[in-house]
PDB file of N, CA and C in Angstrom:
ATOM      1  N   MET A   1    -139.459 100.310 155.902  1.00  0.00           N
ATOM      2  CA  MET A   1    -140.906 100.351 155.842  1.00  0.00           C
ATOM      3  C   MET A   1    -141.393  99.334 154.798  1.00  0.00           C
ATOM      4  N   VAL A   2    -142.519  98.739 155.080  1.00  0.00           N
ATOM      5  CA  VAL A   2    -143.111  97.743 154.182  1.00  0.00           C
ATOM      6  C   VAL A   2    -144.210  98.419 153.366  1.00  0.00           C
ATOM      7  N   VAL A   3    -144.241  98.126 152.063  1.00  0.00           N
ATOM      8  CA  VAL A   3    -145.233  98.720 151.175  1.00  0.00           C
ATOM      9  C   VAL A   3    -145.925  97.634 150.348  1.00  0.00           C
ATOM     10  N   VAL A   4    -147.164  97.919 149.964  1.00  0.00           N
ATOM     11  CA  VAL A   4    -147.910  97.065 149.037  1.00  0.00           C
ATOM     12  C   VAL A   4    -147.898  97.807 147.709  1.00  0.00           C
ATOM     13  N   ARG A   5    -147.290  97.208 146.686  1.00  0.00           N
ATOM     14  CA  ARG A   5    -147.121  97.896 145.407  1.00  0.00           C
ATOM     15  C   ARG A   5    -147.174  96.910 144.251  1.00  0.00           C
ATOM     16  N   LEU A   6    -147.075  97.464 143.039  1.00  0.00           N
ATOM     17  CA  LEU A   6    -147.081  96.639 141.832  1.00  0.00           C
ATOM     18  C   LEU A   6    -145.653  96.286 141.436  1.00  0.00           C
ATOM     19  N   ALA A   7    -145.475  95.064 140.951  1.00  0.00           N
ATOM     20  CA  ALA A   7    -144.212  94.624 140.370  1.00  0.00           C
ATOM     21  C   ALA A   7    -144.523  94.161 138.952  1.00  0.00           C
ATOM     22  N   ARG A   8    -143.839  94.722 137.965  1.00  0.00           N
ATOM     23  CA  ARG A   8    -144.164  94.433 136.569  1.00  0.00           C
ATOM     24  C   ARG A   8    -143.579  93.108 136.128  1.00  0.00           C
ATOM     25  N   GLY A   9    -144.401  92.374 135.395  1.00  0.00           N
ATOM     26  CA  GLY A   9    -143.976  91.136 134.769  1.00  0.00           C
ATOM     27  C   GLY A   9    -144.428  91.175 133.318  1.00  0.00           C
ATOM     28  N   GLY A  10    -144.394  90.058 132.659  1.00  0.00           N
ATOM     29  CA  GLY A  10    -144.837  90.003 131.272  1.00  0.00           C
ATOM     30  C   GLY A  10    -143.741  90.375 130.299  1.00  0.00           C
ATOM     31  N   ASN A  11    -144.118  90.469 129.052  1.00  0.00           N
ATOM     32  CA  ASN A  11    -143.171  90.792 127.985  1.00  0.00           C
ATOM     33  C   ASN A  11    -143.328  92.236 127.541  1.00  0.00           C
ATOM     34  N   ARG A  12    -142.485  92.638 126.620  1.00  0.00           N
ATOM     35  CA  ARG A  12    -142.589  93.981 126.073  1.00  0.00           C
ATOM     36  C   ARG A  12    -143.947  94.137 125.383  1.00  0.00           C
ATOM     37  N   ASN A  13    -144.624  95.240 125.653  1.00  0.00           N
ATOM     38  CA  ASN A  13    -145.952  95.554 125.114  1.00  0.00           C
ATOM     39  C   ASN A  13    -147.048  94.595 125.593  1.00  0.00           C
ATOM     40  N   ARG A  14    -146.767  93.739 126.564  1.00  0.00           N
ATOM     41  CA  ARG A  14    -147.760  92.833 127.152  1.00  0.00           C
ATOM     42  C   ARG A  14    -147.597  92.866 128.669  1.00  0.00           C
ATOM     43  N   PRO A  15    -147.929  93.983 129.323  1.00  0.00           N
ATOM     44  CA  PRO A  15    -147.671  94.094 130.764  1.00  0.00           C
ATOM     45  C   PRO A  15    -148.575  93.194 131.594  1.00  0.00           C
ATOM     46  N   TYR A  16    -148.027  92.757 132.701  1.00  0.00           N
ATOM     47  CA  TYR A  16    -148.736  91.951 133.689  1.00  0.00           C
ATOM     48  C   TYR A  16    -148.146  92.355 135.027  1.00  0.00           C
ATOM     49  N   TYR A  17    -148.973  92.701 135.983  1.00  0.00           N
ATOM     50  CA  TYR A  17    -148.475  93.212 137.248  1.00  0.00           C
ATOM     51  C   TYR A  17    -148.857  92.297 138.391  1.00  0.00           C
ATOM     52  N   TYR A  18    -147.894  92.049 139.273  1.00  0.00           N
ATOM     53  CA  TYR A  18    -148.127  91.322 140.506  1.00  0.00           C
ATOM     54  C   TYR A  18    -148.311  92.352 141.611  1.00  0.00           C
ATOM     55  N   ILE A  19    -149.250  92.118 142.502  1.00  0.00           N
ATOM     56  CA  ILE A  19    -149.424  92.974 143.668  1.00  0.00           C
ATOM     57  C   ILE A  19    -148.643  92.298 144.786  1.00  0.00           C
ATOM     58  N   VAL A  20    -147.586  92.962 145.246  1.00  0.00           N
ATOM     59  CA  VAL A  20    -146.666  92.352 146.194  1.00  0.00           C
ATOM     60  C   VAL A  20    -146.507  93.213 147.438  1.00  0.00           C
ATOM     61  N   VAL A  21    -146.112  92.550 148.508  1.00  0.00           N
ATOM     62  CA  VAL A  21    -145.716  93.216 149.740  1.00  0.00           C
ATOM     63  C   VAL A  21    -144.194  93.169 149.752  1.00  0.00           C
ATOM     64  N   ALA A  22    -143.550  94.337 149.848  1.00  0.00           N
ATOM     65  CA  ALA A  22    -142.096  94.391 149.759  1.00  0.00           C
ATOM     66  C   ALA A  22    -141.539  95.468 150.675  1.00  0.00           C
ATOM     67  N   ASP A  23    -140.261  95.357 150.944  1.00  0.00           N
ATOM     68  CA  ASP A  23    -139.561  96.411 151.659  1.00  0.00           C
ATOM     69  C   ASP A  23    -139.449  97.606 150.721  1.00  0.00           C
ATOM     70  N   SER A  24    -139.625  98.795 151.241  1.00  0.00           N
ATOM     71  CA  SER A  24    -139.623  99.984 150.376  1.00  0.00           C
ATOM     72  C   SER A  24    -138.271 100.235 149.740  1.00  0.00           C
ATOM     73  N   HIS A  25    -137.201  99.660 150.284  1.00  0.00           N
ATOM     74  CA  HIS A  25    -135.867  99.870 149.721  1.00  0.00           C
ATOM     75  C   HIS A  25    -135.509  98.828 148.663  1.00  0.00           C
ATOM     76  N   ALA A  26    -136.351  97.815 148.489  1.00  0.00           N
ATOM     77  CA  ALA A  26    -136.094  96.786 147.486  1.00  0.00           C
ATOM     78  C   ALA A  26    -136.390  97.334 146.093  1.00  0.00           C
ATOM     79  N   ARG A  27    -135.705  96.805 145.091  1.00  0.00           N
ATOM     80  CA  ARG A  27    -135.957  97.221 143.718  1.00  0.00           C
ATOM     81  C   ARG A  27    -137.382  96.861 143.315  1.00  0.00           C
ATOM     82  N   LEU A  28    -137.900  97.548 142.290  1.00  0.00           N
ATOM     83  CA  LEU A  28    -139.294  97.344 141.887  1.00  0.00           C
ATOM     84  C   LEU A  28    -139.571  95.923 141.427  1.00  0.00           C
ATOM     85  N   GLN A  29    -138.653  95.310 140.695  1.00  0.00           N
ATOM     86  CA  GLN A  29    -138.834  93.925 140.271  1.00  0.00           C
ATOM     87  C   GLN A  29    -137.975  92.985 141.101  1.00  0.00           C
ATOM     88  N   GLY A  30    -137.496  93.458 142.245  1.00  0.00           N
ATOM     89  CA  GLY A  30    -136.590  92.675 143.073  1.00  0.00           C
ATOM     90  C   GLY A  30    -137.304  91.827 144.101  1.00  0.00           C
ATOM     91  N   ARG A  31    -136.634  91.634 145.207  1.00  0.00           N
ATOM     92  CA  ARG A  31    -137.116  90.772 146.263  1.00  0.00           C
ATOM     93  C   ARG A  31    -138.404  91.317 146.883  1.00  0.00           C
ATOM     94  N   PHE A  32    -139.333  90.424 147.181  1.00  0.00           N
ATOM     95  CA  PHE A  32    -140.566  90.815 147.854  1.00  0.00           C
ATOM     96  C   PHE A  32    -140.875  89.809 148.954  1.00  0.00           C
ATOM     97  N   ILE A  33    -141.742  90.209 149.867  1.00  0.00           N
ATOM     98  CA  ILE A  33    -142.091  89.373 151.009  1.00  0.00           C
ATOM     99  C   ILE A  33    -143.191  88.385 150.646  1.00  0.00           C
ATOM    100  N   GLU A  34    -144.243  88.890 149.985  1.00  0.00           N
ATOM    101  CA  GLU A  34    -145.392  88.041 149.665  1.00  0.00           C
ATOM    102  C   GLU A  34    -146.123  88.602 148.451  1.00  0.00           C
ATOM    103  N   GLU A  35    -146.601  87.713 147.599  1.00  0.00           N
ATOM    104  CA  GLU A  35    -147.449  88.099 146.475  1.00  0.00           C
ATOM    105  C   GLU A  35    -148.899  87.916 146.908  1.00  0.00           C
ATOM    106  N   ILE A  36    -149.699  88.991 146.809  1.00  0.00           N
ATOM    107  CA  ILE A  36    -151.081  88.895 147.290  1.00  0.00           C
ATOM    108  C   ILE A  36    -152.115  89.072 146.187  1.00  0.00           C
ATOM    109  N   GLY A  37    -151.681  89.257 144.948  1.00  0.00           N
ATOM    110  CA  GLY A  37    -152.644  89.394 143.864  1.00  0.00           C
ATOM    111  C   GLY A  37    -151.979  89.699 142.544  1.00  0.00           C
ATOM    112  N   PHE A  38    -152.821  90.012 141.546  1.00  0.00           N
ATOM    113  CA  PHE A  38    -152.316  90.365 140.224  1.00  0.00           C
ATOM    114  C   PHE A  38    -153.270  91.323 139.541  1.00  0.00           C
ATOM    115  N   TRP A  39    -152.767  91.957 138.494  1.00  0.00           N
ATOM    116  CA  TRP A  39    -153.567  92.845 137.639  1.00  0.00           C
ATOM    117  C   TRP A  39    -153.061  92.690 136.216  1.00  0.00           C
ATOM    118  N   ASN A  40    -153.972  92.352 135.304  1.00  0.00           N
ATOM    119  CA  ASN A  40    -153.646  92.227 133.889  1.00  0.00           C
ATOM    120  C   ASN A  40    -154.427  93.314 133.146  1.00  0.00           C
ATOM    121  N   PRO A  41    -153.784  94.442 132.821  1.00  0.00           N
ATOM    122  CA  PRO A  41    -154.508  95.561 132.230  1.00  0.00           C
ATOM    123  C   PRO A  41    -155.006  95.314 130.806  1.00  0.00           C
ATOM    124  N   ILE A  42    -154.488  94.306 130.124  1.00  0.00           N
ATOM    125  CA  ILE A  42    -154.901  94.067 128.741  1.00  0.00           C
ATOM    126  C   ILE A  42    -155.664  92.750 128.584  1.00  0.00           C
ATOM    127  N   ALA A  43    -156.227  92.255 129.674  1.00  0.00           N
ATOM    128  CA  ALA A  43    -156.976  90.992 129.614  1.00  0.00           C
ATOM    129  C   ALA A  43    -158.292  91.188 128.865  1.00  0.00           C
ATOM    130  N   PRO A  44    -158.698  90.195 128.053  1.00  0.00           N
ATOM    131  CA  PRO A  44    -160.017  90.259 127.414  1.00  0.00           C
ATOM    132  C   PRO A  44    -161.116  90.245 128.476  1.00  0.00           C
ATOM    133  N   GLU A  45    -162.311  90.644 128.079  1.00  0.00           N
ATOM    134  CA  GLU A  45    -163.404  90.772 129.040  1.00  0.00           C
ATOM    135  C   GLU A  45    -163.807  89.453 129.693  1.00  0.00           C
ATOM    136  N   HIS A  46    -163.651  88.333 129.005  1.00  0.00           N
ATOM    137  CA  HIS A  46    -164.086  87.056 129.554  1.00  0.00           C
ATOM    138  C   HIS A  46    -163.038  86.418 130.476  1.00  0.00           C
ATOM    139  N   ILE A  47    -161.896  87.063 130.644  1.00  0.00           N
ATOM    140  CA  ILE A  47    -160.839  86.552 131.510  1.00  0.00           C
ATOM    141  C   ILE A  47    -160.673  87.493 132.697  1.00  0.00           C
ATOM    142  N   GLU A  48    -160.478  86.924 133.865  1.00  0.00           N
ATOM    143  CA  GLU A  48    -160.292  87.718 135.090  1.00  0.00           C
ATOM    144  C   GLU A  48    -159.042  88.591 134.946  1.00  0.00           C
ATOM    145  N   SER A  49    -159.186  89.883 135.217  1.00  0.00           N
ATOM    146  CA  SER A  49    -158.054  90.793 135.036  1.00  0.00           C
ATOM    147  C   SER A  49    -157.478  91.310 136.343  1.00  0.00           C
ATOM    148  N   PHE A  50    -158.184  91.129 137.459  1.00  0.00           N
ATOM    149  CA  PHE A  50    -157.709  91.649 138.742  1.00  0.00           C
ATOM    150  C   PHE A  50    -158.138  90.709 139.849  1.00  0.00           C
ATOM    151  N   ARG A  51    -157.195  90.414 140.746  1.00  0.00           N
ATOM    152  CA  ARG A  51    -157.510  89.612 141.917  1.00  0.00           C
ATOM    153  C   ARG A  51    -156.571  90.043 143.037  1.00  0.00           C
ATOM    154  N   ILE A  52    -157.121  90.158 144.243  1.00  0.00           N
ATOM    155  CA  ILE A  52    -156.304  90.468 145.406  1.00  0.00           C
ATOM    156  C   ILE A  52    -156.865  89.724 146.607  1.00  0.00           C
ATOM    157  N   ASN A  53    -155.989  89.233 147.444  1.00  0.00           N
ATOM    158  CA  ASN A  53    -156.382  88.547 148.668  1.00  0.00           C
ATOM    159  C   ASN A  53    -156.594  89.626 149.733  1.00  0.00           C
ATOM    160  N   LEU A  54    -157.854  89.986 149.970  1.00  0.00           N
ATOM    161  CA  LEU A  54    -158.170  91.081 150.886  1.00  0.00           C
ATOM    162  C   LEU A  54    -157.817  90.767 152.331  1.00  0.00           C
ATOM    163  N   GLU A  55    -157.875  89.499 152.722  1.00  0.00           N
ATOM    164  CA  GLU A  55    -157.488  89.125 154.086  1.00  0.00           C
ATOM    165  C   GLU A  55    -156.023  89.432 154.337  1.00  0.00           C
ATOM    166  N   ARG A  56    -155.176  89.072 153.372  1.00  0.00           N
ATOM    167  CA  ARG A  56    -153.745  89.345 153.525  1.00  0.00           C
ATOM    168  C   ARG A  56    -153.463  90.843 153.459  1.00  0.00           C
ATOM    169  N   LEU A  57    -154.197  91.566 152.616  1.00  0.00           N
ATOM    170  CA  LEU A  57    -154.039  93.014 152.541  1.00  0.00           C
ATOM    171  C   LEU A  57    -154.376  93.657 153.884  1.00  0.00           C
ATOM    172  N   GLN A  58    -155.487  93.234 154.486  1.00  0.00           N
ATOM    173  CA  GLN A  58    -155.880  93.773 155.791  1.00  0.00           C
ATOM    174  C   GLN A  58    -154.845  93.434 156.855  1.00  0.00           C
ATOM    175  N   TYR A  59    -154.281  92.232 156.785  1.00  0.00           N
ATOM    176  CA  TYR A  59    -153.239  91.860 157.750  1.00  0.00           C
ATOM    177  C   TYR A  59    -152.041  92.789 157.622  1.00  0.00           C
ATOM    178  N   TRP A  60    -151.560  92.974 156.395  1.00  0.00           N
ATOM    179  CA  TRP A  60    -150.366  93.802 156.205  1.00  0.00           C
ATOM    180  C   TRP A  60    -150.619  95.255 156.582  1.00  0.00           C
ATOM    181  N   GLU A  61    -151.821  95.764 156.324  1.00  0.00           N
ATOM    182  CA  GLU A  61    -152.151  97.122 156.745  1.00  0.00           C
ATOM    183  C   GLU A  61    -152.187  97.214 158.273  1.00  0.00           C
ATOM    184  N   SER A  62    -152.654  96.140 158.932  1.00  0.00           N
ATOM    185  CA  SER A  62    -152.737  96.151 160.401  1.00  0.00           C
ATOM    186  C   SER A  62    -151.362  96.164 161.056  1.00  0.00           C
ATOM    187  N   VAL A  63    -150.351  95.647 160.374  1.00  0.00           N
ATOM    188  CA  VAL A  63    -148.999  95.656 160.942  1.00  0.00           C
ATOM    189  C   VAL A  63    -148.172  96.830 160.430  1.00  0.00           C
ATOM    190  N   GLY A  64    -148.811  97.765 159.714  1.00  0.00           N
ATOM    191  CA  GLY A  64    -148.144  99.011 159.364  1.00  0.00           C
ATOM    192  C   GLY A  64    -147.697  99.173 157.925  1.00  0.00           C
ATOM    193  N   ALA A  65    -148.060  98.263 157.042  1.00  0.00           N
ATOM    194  CA  ALA A  65    -147.660  98.398 155.640  1.00  0.00           C
ATOM    195  C   ALA A  65    -148.434  99.541 154.977  1.00  0.00           C
ATOM    196  N   GLN A  66    -147.756 100.283 154.114  1.00  0.00           N
ATOM    197  CA  GLN A  66    -148.376 101.375 153.375  1.00  0.00           C
ATOM    198  C   GLN A  66    -148.787 100.862 151.996  1.00  0.00           C
ATOM    199  N   VAL A  67    -149.981 101.202 151.554  1.00  0.00           N
ATOM    200  CA  VAL A  67    -150.481 100.776 150.243  1.00  0.00           C
ATOM    201  C   VAL A  67    -150.205 101.904 149.248  1.00  0.00           C
ATOM    202  N   SER A  68    -149.644 101.551 148.084  1.00  0.00           N
ATOM    203  CA  SER A  68    -149.345 102.570 147.076  1.00  0.00           C
ATOM    204  C   SER A  68    -150.635 103.155 146.501  1.00  0.00           C
ATOM    205  N   ALA A  69    -150.516 104.338 145.949  1.00  0.00           N
ATOM    206  CA  ALA A  69    -151.680 105.027 145.388  1.00  0.00           C
ATOM    207  C   ALA A  69    -152.303 104.234 144.243  1.00  0.00           C
ATOM    208  N   THR A  70    -151.482 103.612 143.419  1.00  0.00           N
ATOM    209  CA  THR A  70    -151.988 102.836 142.288  1.00  0.00           C
ATOM    210  C   THR A  70    -152.779 101.625 142.763  1.00  0.00           C
ATOM    211  N   VAL A  71    -152.279 100.938 143.763  1.00  0.00           N
ATOM    212  CA  VAL A  71    -152.988  99.762 144.285  1.00  0.00           C
ATOM    213  C   VAL A  71    -154.301 100.187 144.925  1.00  0.00           C
ATOM    214  N   LYS A  72    -154.309 101.300 145.656  1.00  0.00           N
ATOM    215  CA  LYS A  72    -155.554 101.813 146.237  1.00  0.00           C
ATOM    216  C   LYS A  72    -156.579 102.097 145.148  1.00  0.00           C
ATOM    217  N   LYS A  73    -156.122 102.729 144.064  1.00  0.00           N
ATOM    218  CA  LYS A  73    -157.013 103.066 142.958  1.00  0.00           C
ATOM    219  C   LYS A  73    -157.576 101.803 142.313  1.00  0.00           C
ATOM    220  N   LEU A  74    -156.755 100.778 142.133  1.00  0.00           N
ATOM    221  CA  LEU A  74    -157.221  99.520 141.544  1.00  0.00           C
ATOM    222  C   LEU A  74    -158.252  98.837 142.427  1.00  0.00           C
ATOM    223  N   ILE A  75    -158.011  98.821 143.733  1.00  0.00           N
ATOM    224  CA  ILE A  75    -158.963  98.194 144.652  1.00  0.00           C
ATOM    225  C   ILE A  75    -160.288  98.928 144.623  1.00  0.00           C
ATOM    226  N   LYS A  76    -160.234 100.251 144.623  1.00  0.00           N
ATOM    227  CA  LYS A  76    -161.456 101.044 144.610  1.00  0.00           C
ATOM    228  C   LYS A  76    -162.247 100.837 143.311  1.00  0.00           C
ATOM    229  N   ALA A  77    -161.558 100.822 142.175  1.00  0.00           N
ATOM    230  CA  ALA A  77    -162.221 100.643 140.885  1.00  0.00           C
ATOM    231  C   ALA A  77    -162.841  99.252 140.764  1.00  0.00           C
ATOM    232  N   ASN A  78    -162.164  98.247 141.239  1.00  0.00           N
ATOM    233  CA  ASN A  78    -162.675  96.887 141.113  1.00  0.00           C
ATOM    234  C   ASN A  78    -163.702  96.551 142.181  1.00  0.00           C
ATOM    235  N   ALA A  79    -163.728  97.260 143.280  1.00  0.00           N
ATOM    236  CA  ALA A  79    -164.787  97.083 144.273  1.00  0.00           C
ATOM    237  C   ALA A  79    -166.116  97.539 143.704  1.00  0.00           C
ATOM    238  N   LYS A  80    -166.102  98.601 142.899  1.00  0.00           N
ATOM    239  CA  LYS A  80    -167.326  99.080 142.251  1.00  0.00           C
ATOM    240  C   LYS A  80    -167.870  98.039 141.280  1.00  0.00           C
ATOM    241  N   LYS A  81    -166.981  97.393 140.524  1.00  0.00           N
ATOM    242  CA  LYS A  81    -167.402  96.364 139.587  1.00  0.00           C
ATOM    243  C   LYS A  81    -168.014  95.178 140.319  1.00  0.00           C
ATOM    244  N   ALA A  82    -167.418  94.786 141.430  1.00  0.00           N
ATOM    245  CA  ALA A  82    -167.920  93.647 142.198  1.00  0.00           C
ATOM    246  C   ALA A  82    -169.280  93.967 142.816  1.00  0.00           C
ATOM    247  N   ALA A  83    -169.461  95.211 143.258  1.00  0.00           N
ATOM    248  CA  ALA A  83    -170.739  95.602 143.849  1.00  0.00           C
ATOM    249  C   ALA A  83    -171.847  95.663 142.797  1.00  0.00           C
ATOM    250  N   ALA A  84    -171.496  96.029 141.557  1.00  0.00           N
ATOM    251  CA  ALA A  84    -172.477  96.123 140.486  1.00  0.00           C
ATOM    252  C   ALA A  84    -172.909  94.740 139.990  1.00  0.00           C
ATOM    253  N   ALA A  85    -172.040  93.754 140.114  1.00  0.00           N
ATOM    254  CA  ALA A  85    -172.354  92.406 139.620  1.00  0.00           C
ATOM    255  C   ALA A  85    -173.241  91.623 140.543  1.00  0.00           C
TER     256      ALA A  85
END
């Protein structure tokens, strides 16, 4: 099964997450099919902290990929920010 999930990058105490499409049996920081975005939870306010390619997300969902709960929550939270701006 294919899933859309977070893959951790960055250094110790400086997390940076890639939003990736991967096989569900692959390791969390292992092989992935495609990178479709990122999330930087500790980014300053003047720097972009979240980006996702919604076209690619819709494509992967249309072919049966499951989106993780965390990624769903991030998309929902950042959609509110975009609508308010």
